[in-house]
C-alpha atoms as a PDB file:
ATOM      1  CA  MET A   1      -0.001  -0.008   0.048  1.00  0.00           C
ATOM      2  CA  PHE A   2       1.190   3.547  -0.864  1.00  0.00           C
ATOM      3  CA  GLN A   3       0.385   6.728   0.829  1.00  0.00           C
ATOM      4  CA  ILE A   4       0.320  10.316  -0.431  1.00  0.00           C
ATOM      5  CA  ASN A   5       3.541  12.275   0.416  1.00  0.00           C
ATOM      6  CA  GLU A   6       5.457   9.051   0.986  1.00  0.00           C
ATOM      7  CA  VAL A   7       8.993   9.213  -0.310  1.00  0.00           C
ATOM      8  CA  LEU A   8      10.481   6.286  -2.252  1.00  0.00           C
ATOM      9  CA  GLN A   9      14.086   5.878  -3.477  1.00  0.00           C
ATOM     10  CA  PHE A  10      14.576   4.320  -6.864  1.00  0.00           C
ATOM     11  CA  GLU A  11      18.442   3.868  -7.537  1.00  0.00           C
ATOM     12  CA  GLN A  12      19.814   7.263  -6.430  1.00  0.00           C
ATOM     13  CA  THR A  13      16.651   9.357  -7.094  1.00  0.00           C
ATOM     14  CA  LEU A  14      13.992  10.268  -4.549  1.00  0.00           C
ATOM     15  CA  TYR A  15      10.276  10.372  -5.559  1.00  0.00           C
ATOM     16  CA  ARG A  16       7.237  11.772  -3.710  1.00  0.00           C
ATOM     17  CA  ILE A  17       3.856  10.115  -4.207  1.00  0.00           C
ATOM     18  CA  LEU A  18       1.252  12.694  -5.068  1.00  0.00           C
ATOM     19  CA  MET A  19      -1.751  10.581  -5.724  1.00  0.00           C
ATOM     20  CA  VAL A  20      -2.723   6.932  -5.655  1.00  0.00           C
ATOM     21  CA  PHE A  21      -5.176   5.401  -8.015  1.00  0.00           C
ATOM     22  CA  ASP A  22      -6.495   1.727  -8.356  1.00  0.00           C
ATOM     23  CA  TYR A  23      -3.573   0.628 -10.499  1.00  0.00           C
ATOM     24  CA  TYR A  24      -1.310   3.560 -10.723  1.00  0.00           C
ATOM     25  CA  VAL A  25       0.557   5.934  -8.531  1.00  0.00           C
ATOM     26  CA  LEU A  26       1.374   9.528  -9.526  1.00  0.00           C
ATOM     27  CA  TRP A  27       4.870  10.586  -8.389  1.00  0.00           C
ATOM     28  CA  ILE A  28       7.406  13.243  -8.873  1.00  0.00           C
ATOM     29  CA  LYS A  29      11.207  13.565  -8.525  1.00  0.00           C
ATOM     30  CA  VAL A  30      11.904  15.301  -5.158  1.00  0.00           C
ATOM     31  CA  HIS A  31      15.165  17.262  -6.153  1.00  0.00           C
ATOM     32  CA  ASP A  32      14.336  18.169  -9.750  1.00  0.00           C
ATOM     33  CA  ASP A  33      13.052  21.687 -10.245  1.00  0.00           C
ATOM     34  CA  LYS A  34      11.847  20.857 -13.726  1.00  0.00           C
ATOM     35  CA  ALA A  35      10.242  17.561 -12.968  1.00  0.00           C
ATOM     36  CA  PHE A  36       6.727  16.576 -14.203  1.00  0.00           C
ATOM     37  CA  PRO A  37       4.651  14.047 -12.397  1.00  0.00           C
ATOM     38  CA  GLU A  38       4.684  10.572 -13.823  1.00  0.00           C
ATOM     39  CA  LEU A  39       2.178   7.722 -13.729  1.00  0.00           C
ATOM     40  CA  VAL A  40       3.813   4.428 -12.584  1.00  0.00           C
ATOM     41  CA  GLU A  41       2.010   1.095 -12.244  1.00  0.00           C
ATOM     42  CA  ILE A  42       1.653  -0.062  -8.758  1.00  0.00           C
ATOM     43  CA  ALA A  43       2.630  -3.570  -9.954  1.00  0.00           C
ATOM     44  CA  GLU A  44       6.028  -2.255 -11.226  1.00  0.00           C
ATOM     45  CA  LEU A  45       6.604  -0.623  -7.798  1.00  0.00           C
ATOM     46  CA  GLU A  46       5.882  -3.749  -5.915  1.00  0.00           C
ATOM     47  CA  GLN A  47       8.230  -5.582  -8.214  1.00  0.00           C
ATOM     48  CA  GLY A  48      10.853  -2.917  -7.465  1.00  0.00           C
ATOM     49  CA  PHE A  49      10.481  -3.659  -3.723  1.00  0.00           C
ATOM     50  CA  GLN A  50      10.893  -7.458  -4.366  1.00  0.00           C
ATOM     51  CA  ASP A  51      13.975  -6.847  -6.638  1.00  0.00           C
ATOM     52  CA  GLU A  52      15.336  -4.488  -3.803  1.00  0.00           C
ATOM     53  CA  VAL A  53      15.792  -1.574  -6.265  1.00  0.00           C
ATOM     54  CA  LEU A  54      12.996   0.503  -4.626  1.00  0.00           C
ATOM     55  CA  LYS A  55      12.759   1.383  -0.992  1.00  0.00           C
ATOM     56  CA  ARG A  56      10.919   3.675   1.385  1.00  0.00           C
ATOM     57  CA  VAL A  57      13.066   6.376   2.770  1.00  0.00           C
ATOM     58  CA  ALA A  58      12.650   9.343   5.310  1.00  0.00           C
ATOM     59  CA  ASP A  59      11.276  12.525   3.868  1.00  0.00           C
ATOM     60  CA  PRO A  60      14.175  14.865   3.298  1.00  0.00           C
ATOM     61  CA  TYR A  61      11.905  17.868   4.168  1.00  0.00           C
ATOM     62  CA  SER A  62      10.399  16.335   7.365  1.00  0.00           C
ATOM     63  CA  CYS A  63      12.213  19.033   9.337  1.00  0.00           C
ATOM     64  CA  LEU A  64       9.763  21.540   7.883  1.00  0.00           C
ATOM     65  CA  LEU A  65       6.751  19.721   8.955  1.00  0.00           C
ATOM     66  CA  TYR A  66       6.045  21.829  12.048  1.00  0.00           C
ATOM     67  CA  THR A  67       7.684  24.911  10.898  1.00  0.00           C
ATOM     68  CA  SER A  68       5.459  28.010  10.564  1.00  0.00           C
ATOM     69  CA  PRO A  69       6.427  31.006   8.325  1.00  0.00           C
ATOM     70  CA  SER A  70       7.565  33.996  10.200  1.00  0.00           C
ATOM     71  CA  PRO A  71       5.100  36.812  10.432  1.00  0.00           C
ATOM     72  CA  ARG A  72       5.668  39.737   8.081  1.00  0.00           C
ATOM     73  CA  ASP A  73       6.012  43.176   9.457  1.00  0.00           C
END
């Protein structure tokens, strides 16, 4: 099962899950300013876990989770 905002690592690239559909996941590269979201079959991701080329990783931006913007003067 996949969750929205979950971060996955495929090879050396981090991907964030944006949406989960019945048979597909919409994900985007985390550290690519020009990245476009891509549809990936859930079966492909599950196979990646079995082949150990895909893994779940900590969110590199988790330190911002509880950060509030500073008030403007």
